[in-house]
Amino acid sequence: MHVGYFGVWVLLNIITSHRFLHYVFFCLIPLFFVACEPNQPVLPLHTLIPQAWQGYQHQFIDAEGRVFRPYNQDDTVSEGQAYAMLMAVALDDQQTFDRVFNWAKQHLSRSERFGDHLLAWHWDVDKGVTDWNSAADAEVDMALALLLAHARWQDQQYRRDALPLLQDILALETDVIGGERYLLPGNWRVETEAWLLNPSYFSPAHFRLFYAVTGDERWNELLRSTYTFLNRLSLQATIPVRSGLVPDWIGIDPEGHLKMAEGFSHDVTWDAVRMPWRVALDVLWEKEDCAMDYLESINEFWVSEWAQKAGQFFLEYRLDGETLKAEEQVGAYAMALPALQSLQSPLTSEVTHKVQTFFHEDGQYFQDDRDYYQNSLSLLGLLSLPYPAHSTLPSLVREFQRFTPSATETCVKNAHSLLE
């Protein structure tokens, strides 16, 4: 009873402080009014991450360097090769990095057939490549991994491999729509009046580094369009959207107006879960204000869910914020962590603990030892955090930036002008 009175007193005092209204107020509701289980013992991150990487290699990377998906008949997608390369360079594992990259070049390269440096997105165990179209997120992540590998291991060949890939991303996977250059899902386009976009491919922090390396203004155009899109989505009235949420797929017409993507998911699920991670990197690496604006919006949603759902949030939602599947997924927590860290959100420690509790030390995996995607998201999220106890992407990016001029482009802050 006394604890209840104390909780009410604290909440009343917090309500008077607007600055902490969305953060502390919502986080304290579960603390005082929901019966919580005691924290489970977990591994510290500096121990957990190397173990998770060992388990990832055992579960999802074969001896030749192919990253495979057990739940999809052991197939391979180009995204997986890029993810593994990012993890390997972050953890200073050059042998695995080279093995994974070499497999991608040998089996997914479009060079001989099409004359470009993009990758076929899908490979089957029995048939080999089944779709020669590309997936832009894989190319963007692989290019970043190659540049970071050059910075870490001082081998010029990594940079030489990255530069033509960057050029072909711009030439074949971007287009100007409604006066803005957007990253497209790949080298393909659905035959409709509108273009199709996958917002979770937008990588503003990557684009800054690519501009710094190449000096090509088109990377700054992609940087601007990322934040133009996020602002436009939050302000438009034709699609019901909860502030901070971004759909898996969305259409955009020649004038730049957003619309539902026919035949594609317009919910917030397994694609869109990566959006906070990609935008958070632009805060952790570049302290971008426009990234903060978006992250504050999605953080408000998370803390509201945390309060209403007794200390949890989920991965699958409708765009208006309605829960699609009330199941905890470690991938959702791991992709949220860099965003929470960049905001210094009160949820950071609790969500970190969630990720740690999903790790199975005996098998060295997160949540499900056959789920390639969840384990990929979990490691990428943790490796993006600026912890000094282990090698991380932020520390490697800082090393890269010592030798590379920074991009000076910033995003457009006057969001309301976007709708004029």
Protein backbone atom coordinates (compact mmCIF):
# COMPACT_ATOMS: atom_id res chain seq x y z
CA MET A 1 0.00 0.00 0.00
CA HIS A 2 2.78 2.38 0.89
CA VAL A 3 4.51 1.58 -2.42
CA GLY A 4 1.30 2.45 -4.25
CA TYR A 5 1.07 5.86 -2.55
CA PHE A 6 4.72 6.53 -3.27
CA GLY A 7 4.19 5.64 -6.91
CA VAL A 8 1.28 8.05 -7.21
CA TRP A 9 3.33 10.82 -5.57
CA VAL A 10 6.22 10.27 -7.98
CA LEU A 11 3.94 10.20 -10.99
CA LEU A 12 2.22 13.44 -9.99
CA ASN A 13 5.58 15.15 -9.69
CA ILE A 14 6.72 13.83 -13.06
CA ILE A 15 3.54 15.02 -14.77
CA THR A 16 4.58 18.59 -13.94
CA SER A 17 7.74 18.13 -16.02
CA HIS A 18 6.87 18.16 -19.74
CA ARG A 19 10.40 17.13 -20.71
CA PHE A 20 10.03 13.71 -19.08
CA LEU A 21 6.31 13.20 -19.74
CA HIS A 22 6.68 10.58 -22.47
CA TYR A 23 9.82 8.94 -21.11
CA VAL A 24 9.80 8.61 -17.32
CA PHE A 25 6.03 8.79 -16.86
CA PHE A 26 5.27 5.90 -19.14
CA CYS A 27 8.22 3.86 -17.91
CA LEU A 28 7.20 4.19 -14.28
CA ILE A 29 3.68 2.89 -14.81
CA PRO A 30 4.84 -0.71 -15.20
CA LEU A 31 7.31 -0.22 -12.34
CA PHE A 32 4.68 0.75 -9.77
CA PHE A 33 1.45 -0.82 -10.97
CA VAL A 34 2.43 -4.02 -12.79
CA ALA A 35 3.78 -7.11 -11.10
CA CYS A 36 7.14 -7.73 -12.76
CA GLU A 37 9.23 -10.86 -12.76
CA PRO A 38 12.68 -10.52 -11.23
CA ASN A 39 15.50 -9.94 -13.71
CA GLN A 40 17.06 -13.12 -15.02
CA PRO A 41 20.85 -13.47 -14.81
CA VAL A 42 22.39 -12.64 -18.19
CA LEU A 43 25.81 -12.56 -19.81
CA PRO A 44 27.52 -9.17 -20.01
CA LEU A 45 27.65 -7.88 -23.58
CA HIS A 46 31.42 -8.14 -23.88
CA THR A 47 31.04 -11.88 -23.26
CA LEU A 48 27.76 -12.42 -25.06
CA ILE A 49 28.69 -10.81 -28.40
CA PRO A 50 31.76 -12.96 -29.21
CA GLN A 51 29.79 -16.05 -28.23
CA ALA A 52 26.87 -14.97 -30.42
CA TRP A 53 29.24 -14.47 -33.36
CA GLN A 54 30.70 -17.95 -32.86
CA GLY A 55 27.21 -19.39 -32.77
CA TYR A 56 26.16 -17.41 -35.84
CA GLN A 57 29.04 -18.78 -37.86
CA HIS A 58 28.24 -22.32 -36.74
CA GLN A 59 24.50 -22.04 -37.42
CA PHE A 60 24.33 -19.89 -40.55
CA ILE A 61 27.67 -19.74 -42.45
CA ASP A 62 29.02 -22.79 -44.25
CA ALA A 63 32.67 -23.63 -44.84
CA GLU A 64 32.71 -21.86 -48.22
CA GLY A 65 31.32 -18.61 -46.80
CA ARG A 66 27.67 -18.94 -47.83
CA VAL A 67 25.15 -17.48 -45.36
CA PHE A 68 22.05 -19.68 -45.42
CA ARG A 69 18.51 -19.58 -44.05
CA PRO A 70 17.45 -22.87 -42.41
CA TYR A 71 13.75 -21.95 -42.43
CA ASN A 72 13.89 -21.33 -46.21
CA GLN A 73 15.33 -24.63 -47.40
CA ASP A 74 18.86 -23.40 -46.62
CA ASP A 75 18.69 -20.81 -49.42
CA THR A 76 20.81 -17.65 -49.57
CA VAL A 77 19.91 -14.00 -50.05
CA SER A 78 22.40 -11.25 -50.84
CA GLU A 79 21.34 -9.38 -47.71
CA GLY A 80 22.72 -12.22 -45.59
CA GLN A 81 26.17 -12.03 -47.17
CA ALA A 82 26.26 -8.29 -46.47
CA TYR A 83 25.09 -8.68 -42.87
CA ALA A 84 27.80 -11.25 -42.16
CA MET A 85 30.44 -8.96 -43.67
CA LEU A 86 29.34 -6.08 -41.42
CA MET A 87 29.53 -8.33 -38.36
CA ALA A 88 32.91 -9.73 -39.36
CA VAL A 89 34.54 -6.35 -39.93
CA ALA A 90 33.09 -5.02 -36.66
CA LEU A 91 34.60 -7.97 -34.80
CA ASP A 92 37.93 -7.91 -36.64
CA ASP A 93 37.38 -11.30 -38.25
CA GLN A 94 39.10 -10.86 -41.61
CA GLN A 95 39.14 -14.55 -42.46
CA THR A 96 35.35 -14.87 -42.24
CA PHE A 97 34.89 -11.53 -44.00
CA ASP A 98 36.95 -12.64 -46.99
CA ARG A 99 35.29 -16.04 -47.16
CA VAL A 100 31.77 -14.54 -47.17
CA PHE A 101 32.66 -11.84 -49.70
CA ASN A 102 34.40 -14.27 -52.03
CA TRP A 103 31.38 -16.59 -52.04
CA ALA A 104 29.14 -13.65 -52.95
CA LYS A 105 31.44 -12.63 -55.82
CA GLN A 106 31.65 -16.16 -57.16
CA HIS A 107 27.97 -17.09 -56.92
CA LEU A 108 25.87 -13.89 -56.90
CA SER A 109 27.83 -11.51 -59.12
CA ARG A 110 25.92 -10.12 -62.10
CA SER A 111 29.13 -8.99 -63.79
CA GLU A 112 29.47 -11.64 -66.51
CA ARG A 113 25.77 -11.73 -67.36
CA PHE A 114 24.83 -8.06 -67.10
CA GLY A 115 28.11 -6.17 -66.90
CA ASP A 116 27.45 -4.44 -63.57
CA HIS A 117 28.69 -4.94 -60.00
CA LEU A 118 25.35 -5.61 -58.32
CA LEU A 119 24.38 -8.96 -56.80
CA ALA A 120 21.60 -11.39 -57.64
CA TRP A 121 19.39 -11.35 -54.58
CA HIS A 122 18.40 -15.05 -54.36
CA TRP A 123 20.29 -18.35 -54.61
CA ASP A 124 18.88 -21.85 -54.22
CA VAL A 125 20.79 -24.92 -53.07
CA ASP A 126 19.64 -27.00 -56.07
CA LYS A 127 19.19 -24.35 -58.77
CA GLY A 128 21.79 -21.70 -58.00
CA VAL A 129 20.61 -18.15 -58.77
CA THR A 130 16.83 -18.11 -59.16
CA ASP A 131 16.40 -14.34 -59.51
CA TRP A 132 19.09 -12.14 -61.06
CA ASN A 133 17.47 -8.91 -59.87
CA SER A 134 19.25 -7.06 -57.10
CA ALA A 135 18.23 -5.96 -53.60
CA ALA A 136 19.55 -2.48 -52.82
CA ASP A 137 19.87 -2.99 -49.08
CA ALA A 138 22.41 -5.75 -49.70
CA GLU A 139 24.50 -3.58 -51.99
CA VAL A 140 24.42 -0.61 -49.61
CA ASP A 141 25.44 -2.72 -46.60
CA MET A 142 28.11 -4.59 -48.55
CA ALA A 143 29.63 -1.35 -49.85
CA LEU A 144 29.81 -0.02 -46.29
CA ALA A 145 31.39 -3.27 -45.08
CA LEU A 146 34.05 -3.04 -47.79
CA LEU A 147 34.93 0.56 -46.93
CA LEU A 148 35.17 -0.28 -43.24
CA ALA A 149 37.32 -3.30 -44.10
CA HIS A 150 39.69 -0.98 -45.95
CA ALA A 151 39.84 1.27 -42.88
CA ARG A 152 40.42 -1.62 -40.48
CA TRP A 153 42.83 -3.81 -42.41
CA GLN A 154 44.45 -1.20 -44.68
CA ASP A 155 44.03 -3.31 -47.81
CA GLN A 156 43.34 -1.14 -50.87
CA GLN A 157 41.55 -3.99 -52.66
CA TYR A 158 38.51 -3.58 -50.41
CA ARG A 159 38.18 0.05 -51.49
CA ARG A 160 38.69 -0.92 -55.12
CA ASP A 161 35.85 -3.42 -54.80
CA ALA A 162 33.58 -0.86 -53.12
CA LEU A 163 33.90 2.00 -55.62
CA PRO A 164 32.36 0.34 -58.72
CA LEU A 165 29.63 -1.12 -56.52
CA LEU A 166 28.80 2.38 -55.27
CA GLN A 167 28.70 3.67 -58.84
CA ASP A 168 26.27 0.96 -59.93
CA ILE A 169 24.00 1.54 -56.93
CA LEU A 170 23.60 5.13 -58.05
CA ALA A 171 23.19 4.25 -61.72
CA LEU A 172 20.85 1.26 -61.40
CA GLU A 173 19.16 1.43 -58.00
CA THR A 174 18.18 5.11 -57.66
CA ASP A 175 15.81 7.40 -59.51
CA VAL A 176 14.54 10.98 -59.28
CA ILE A 177 10.85 11.00 -58.33
CA GLY A 178 8.95 14.22 -57.72
CA GLY A 179 12.19 16.20 -57.67
CA GLU A 180 13.91 13.93 -55.10
CA ARG A 181 16.40 11.11 -55.68
CA TYR A 182 15.30 7.92 -53.91
CA LEU A 183 16.95 4.59 -53.30
CA LEU A 184 14.85 1.98 -55.10
CA PRO A 185 14.39 -1.61 -53.88
CA GLY A 186 16.74 -2.85 -56.59
CA ASN A 187 17.44 -2.65 -60.30
CA TRP A 188 13.83 -3.63 -61.01
CA ARG A 189 10.52 -1.80 -61.02
CA VAL A 190 6.90 -2.97 -60.73
CA GLU A 191 4.96 -1.92 -63.82
CA THR A 192 2.52 0.58 -62.30
CA GLU A 193 2.08 4.32 -62.39
CA ALA A 194 3.85 4.62 -59.06
CA TRP A 195 7.32 3.58 -57.97
CA LEU A 196 7.73 1.09 -55.15
CA LEU A 197 9.90 1.96 -52.15
CA ASN A 198 11.14 -0.07 -49.22
CA PRO A 199 11.94 2.57 -46.56
CA SER A 200 13.97 0.12 -44.48
CA TYR A 201 16.60 0.20 -47.24
CA PHE A 202 17.17 3.95 -46.71
CA SER A 203 20.52 4.30 -44.95
CA PRO A 204 21.39 7.96 -44.32
CA ALA A 205 24.55 7.27 -42.32
CA HIS A 206 25.83 5.03 -45.11
CA PHE A 207 25.04 7.72 -47.68
CA ARG A 208 27.13 10.28 -45.77
CA LEU A 209 30.14 8.01 -45.77
CA PHE A 210 29.68 7.19 -49.44
CA TYR A 211 29.65 10.91 -50.27
CA ALA A 212 32.79 11.39 -48.20
CA VAL A 213 34.55 8.69 -50.21
CA THR A 214 33.29 9.55 -53.70
CA GLY A 215 32.32 13.23 -53.60
CA ASP A 216 29.27 12.30 -55.71
CA GLU A 217 26.44 14.72 -54.91
CA ARG A 218 23.84 12.03 -55.57
CA TRP A 219 24.63 10.49 -52.16
CA ASN A 220 23.64 13.78 -50.54
CA GLU A 221 20.45 13.71 -52.58
CA LEU A 222 19.66 10.27 -51.15
CA LEU A 223 20.44 11.56 -47.68
CA ARG A 224 17.98 14.43 -48.11
CA SER A 225 15.25 12.22 -49.57
CA THR A 226 15.40 9.90 -46.54
CA TYR A 227 14.36 12.68 -44.19
CA THR A 228 12.05 14.26 -46.75
CA PHE A 229 10.24 10.93 -46.93
CA LEU A 230 9.99 10.51 -43.15
CA ASN A 231 8.62 14.02 -42.73
CA ARG A 232 6.20 13.66 -45.63
CA LEU A 233 4.90 10.35 -44.28
CA SER A 234 4.22 11.88 -40.87
CA LEU A 235 2.40 14.89 -42.35
CA GLN A 236 0.35 13.47 -45.22
CA ALA A 237 -3.33 12.76 -44.60
CA THR A 238 -4.19 10.05 -47.13
CA ILE A 239 -2.54 7.15 -45.27
CA PRO A 240 -3.47 6.57 -41.60
CA VAL A 241 -0.14 6.39 -39.79
CA ARG A 242 0.88 6.51 -36.14
CA SER A 243 3.72 8.97 -35.65
CA GLY A 244 7.07 7.24 -35.90
CA LEU A 245 5.85 4.12 -37.69
CA VAL A 246 7.02 3.34 -41.22
CA PRO A 247 5.52 0.63 -43.49
CA ASP A 248 7.38 -2.30 -45.02
CA TRP A 249 6.58 -1.03 -48.51
CA ILE A 250 5.02 2.14 -49.90
CA GLY A 251 4.23 3.60 -53.30
CA ILE A 252 5.23 7.03 -54.59
CA ASP A 253 3.75 8.64 -57.70
CA PRO A 254 5.62 10.83 -60.24
CA GLU A 255 4.73 13.98 -58.24
CA GLY A 256 6.19 12.52 -55.04
CA HIS A 257 2.87 11.74 -53.35
CA LEU A 258 2.83 8.66 -51.14
CA LYS A 259 0.26 5.90 -51.53
CA MET A 260 -0.35 2.35 -50.40
CA ALA A 261 1.72 -0.20 -52.29
CA GLU A 262 -0.70 -2.56 -54.01
CA GLY A 263 0.19 -6.20 -53.49
CA PHE A 264 2.89 -5.45 -50.90
CA SER A 265 2.79 -5.21 -47.11
CA HIS A 266 1.92 -1.75 -45.85
CA ASP A 267 2.12 -2.88 -42.24
CA VAL A 268 5.08 -2.46 -39.87
CA THR A 269 6.67 -5.90 -39.77
CA TRP A 270 9.86 -7.74 -40.71
CA ASP A 271 11.16 -5.22 -43.22
CA ALA A 272 10.23 -2.04 -41.38
CA VAL A 273 11.74 -3.27 -38.10
CA ARG A 274 15.15 -2.18 -39.49
CA MET A 275 14.20 1.47 -40.01
CA PRO A 276 15.04 2.70 -36.46
CA TRP A 277 18.42 0.97 -36.66
CA ARG A 278 19.36 2.58 -39.96
CA VAL A 279 18.31 6.06 -38.88
CA ALA A 280 19.91 5.71 -35.44
CA LEU A 281 23.29 5.18 -37.08
CA ASP A 282 23.05 8.75 -38.37
CA VAL A 283 22.85 9.95 -34.78
CA LEU A 284 25.49 7.63 -33.36
CA TRP A 285 27.92 8.41 -36.20
CA GLU A 286 26.98 11.95 -37.23
CA LYS A 287 24.66 13.36 -34.51
CA GLU A 288 22.08 14.34 -37.14
CA ASP A 289 19.19 16.44 -35.79
CA CYS A 290 16.65 15.22 -38.34
CA ALA A 291 17.41 11.64 -37.35
CA MET A 292 16.69 12.63 -33.76
CA ASP A 293 13.28 14.01 -34.79
CA TYR A 294 12.23 10.66 -36.25
CA LEU A 295 13.71 8.63 -33.38
CA GLU A 296 11.90 10.72 -30.78
CA SER A 297 8.62 9.92 -32.55
CA ILE A 298 9.19 6.18 -32.62
CA ASN A 299 10.46 6.27 -29.03
CA GLU A 300 7.19 7.82 -27.92
CA PHE A 301 5.41 4.87 -29.48
CA TRP A 302 7.73 2.38 -27.78
CA VAL A 303 7.39 3.88 -24.31
CA SER A 304 3.62 4.03 -24.71
CA GLU A 305 3.55 0.37 -25.71
CA TRP A 306 5.92 -0.48 -22.85
CA ALA A 307 3.51 1.06 -20.37
CA GLN A 308 0.37 -0.45 -21.86
CA LYS A 309 1.82 -3.91 -22.53
CA ALA A 310 3.44 -4.39 -19.09
CA GLY A 311 7.06 -3.92 -20.08
CA GLN A 312 7.20 -5.11 -23.67
CA PHE A 313 6.61 -4.06 -27.25
CA PHE A 314 6.23 -6.16 -30.36
CA LEU A 315 7.53 -6.42 -33.90
CA GLU A 316 4.33 -6.52 -35.96
CA TYR A 317 1.91 -3.59 -36.03
CA ARG A 318 -0.50 -1.97 -38.40
CA LEU A 319 0.57 1.43 -39.60
CA ASP A 320 -1.95 3.09 -37.27
CA GLY A 321 -0.27 1.42 -34.26
CA GLU A 322 -2.68 -1.47 -33.74
CA THR A 323 -0.90 -4.67 -32.71
CA LEU A 324 -0.87 -7.34 -35.41
CA LYS A 325 0.81 -10.11 -33.42
CA ALA A 326 1.29 -9.85 -29.66
CA GLU A 327 4.55 -11.78 -29.58
CA GLU A 328 7.93 -10.61 -28.34
CA GLN A 329 10.71 -10.90 -30.91
CA VAL A 330 14.36 -10.29 -30.07
CA GLY A 331 14.86 -8.65 -33.47
CA ALA A 332 12.48 -5.82 -32.59
CA TYR A 333 14.34 -5.10 -29.36
CA ALA A 334 17.78 -5.32 -30.97
CA MET A 335 16.85 -2.96 -33.81
CA ALA A 336 15.41 -0.51 -31.27
CA LEU A 337 18.52 -0.50 -29.08
CA PRO A 338 20.70 1.88 -31.16
CA ALA A 339 17.79 4.31 -31.33
CA LEU A 340 17.17 4.14 -27.59
CA GLN A 341 20.88 4.54 -26.90
CA SER A 342 21.15 7.59 -29.15
CA LEU A 343 18.22 9.21 -27.32
CA GLN A 344 19.47 8.12 -23.89
CA SER A 345 15.97 6.76 -23.39
CA PRO A 346 15.00 5.34 -19.99
CA LEU A 347 14.06 2.14 -21.83
CA THR A 348 17.64 1.47 -22.93
CA SER A 349 18.74 -0.69 -20.01
CA GLU A 350 15.46 -2.62 -19.91
CA VAL A 351 15.50 -3.38 -23.63
CA THR A 352 19.18 -4.32 -23.47
CA HIS A 353 18.28 -6.79 -20.75
CA LYS A 354 15.49 -8.16 -22.95
CA VAL A 355 17.98 -8.89 -25.74
CA GLN A 356 20.35 -10.52 -23.27
CA THR A 357 17.62 -12.77 -21.88
CA PHE A 358 16.81 -14.03 -25.38
CA PHE A 359 20.38 -15.30 -25.78
CA HIS A 360 20.86 -19.04 -25.19
CA GLU A 361 24.38 -19.49 -23.90
CA ASP A 362 24.34 -23.27 -24.36
CA GLY A 363 23.73 -23.00 -28.11
CA GLN A 364 25.09 -19.46 -28.65
CA TYR A 365 22.00 -18.11 -30.40
CA PHE A 366 19.16 -15.62 -29.90
CA GLN A 367 15.62 -16.96 -29.40
CA ASP A 368 15.67 -19.58 -32.20
CA ASP A 369 18.75 -21.40 -33.47
CA ARG A 370 17.23 -21.79 -36.96
CA ASP A 371 16.12 -18.19 -37.41
CA TYR A 372 18.84 -16.54 -39.50
CA TYR A 373 17.05 -13.19 -39.62
CA GLN A 374 16.44 -12.73 -35.90
CA ASN A 375 20.01 -13.68 -35.11
CA SER A 376 21.30 -11.29 -37.77
CA LEU A 377 19.24 -8.38 -36.44
CA SER A 378 20.29 -9.14 -32.87
CA LEU A 379 24.01 -9.06 -33.60
CA LEU A 380 23.79 -6.02 -35.86
CA GLY A 381 21.86 -4.09 -33.24
CA LEU A 382 24.34 -4.90 -30.49
CA LEU A 383 27.36 -4.19 -32.67
CA SER A 384 25.97 -0.74 -33.46
CA LEU A 385 26.08 0.32 -29.81
CA PRO A 386 28.99 2.53 -28.67
CA TYR A 387 30.15 0.25 -25.87
CA PRO A 388 33.90 0.39 -25.20
CA ALA A 389 34.13 -3.21 -24.00
CA HIS A 390 34.03 -4.76 -27.47
CA SER A 391 34.74 -3.83 -31.07
CA THR A 392 31.74 -2.01 -32.54
CA LEU A 393 30.67 -0.35 -35.76
CA PRO A 394 30.72 3.17 -34.22
CA SER A 395 34.35 2.85 -33.16
CA LEU A 396 35.30 1.53 -36.58
CA VAL A 397 33.44 4.36 -38.30
CA ARG A 398 35.34 6.87 -36.18
CA GLU A 399 38.58 5.28 -37.36
CA PHE A 400 37.33 5.53 -40.94
CA GLN A 401 36.43 9.20 -40.47
CA ARG A 402 39.94 10.06 -39.31
CA PHE A 403 41.19 9.54 -42.85
CA THR A 404 38.14 10.65 -44.84
CA PRO A 405 36.65 14.15 -45.13
CA SER A 406 33.17 14.32 -43.64
CA ALA A 407 30.11 15.08 -45.71
CA THR A 408 28.70 18.49 -44.89
CA GLU A 409 25.18 17.96 -46.18
CA THR A 410 22.39 18.15 -43.59
CA CYS A 411 18.73 17.27 -43.88
CA VAL A 412 15.84 19.63 -44.52
CA LYS A 413 14.35 20.85 -41.24
CA ASN A 414 11.32 22.74 -42.57
CA ALA A 415 9.06 19.74 -42.84
CA HIS A 416 5.82 21.64 -43.44
CA SER A 417 7.18 23.05 -46.70
CA LEU A 418 7.32 19.50 -48.06
CA LEU A 419 3.55 19.41 -48.50
CA GLU A 420 3.23 22.70 -50.38
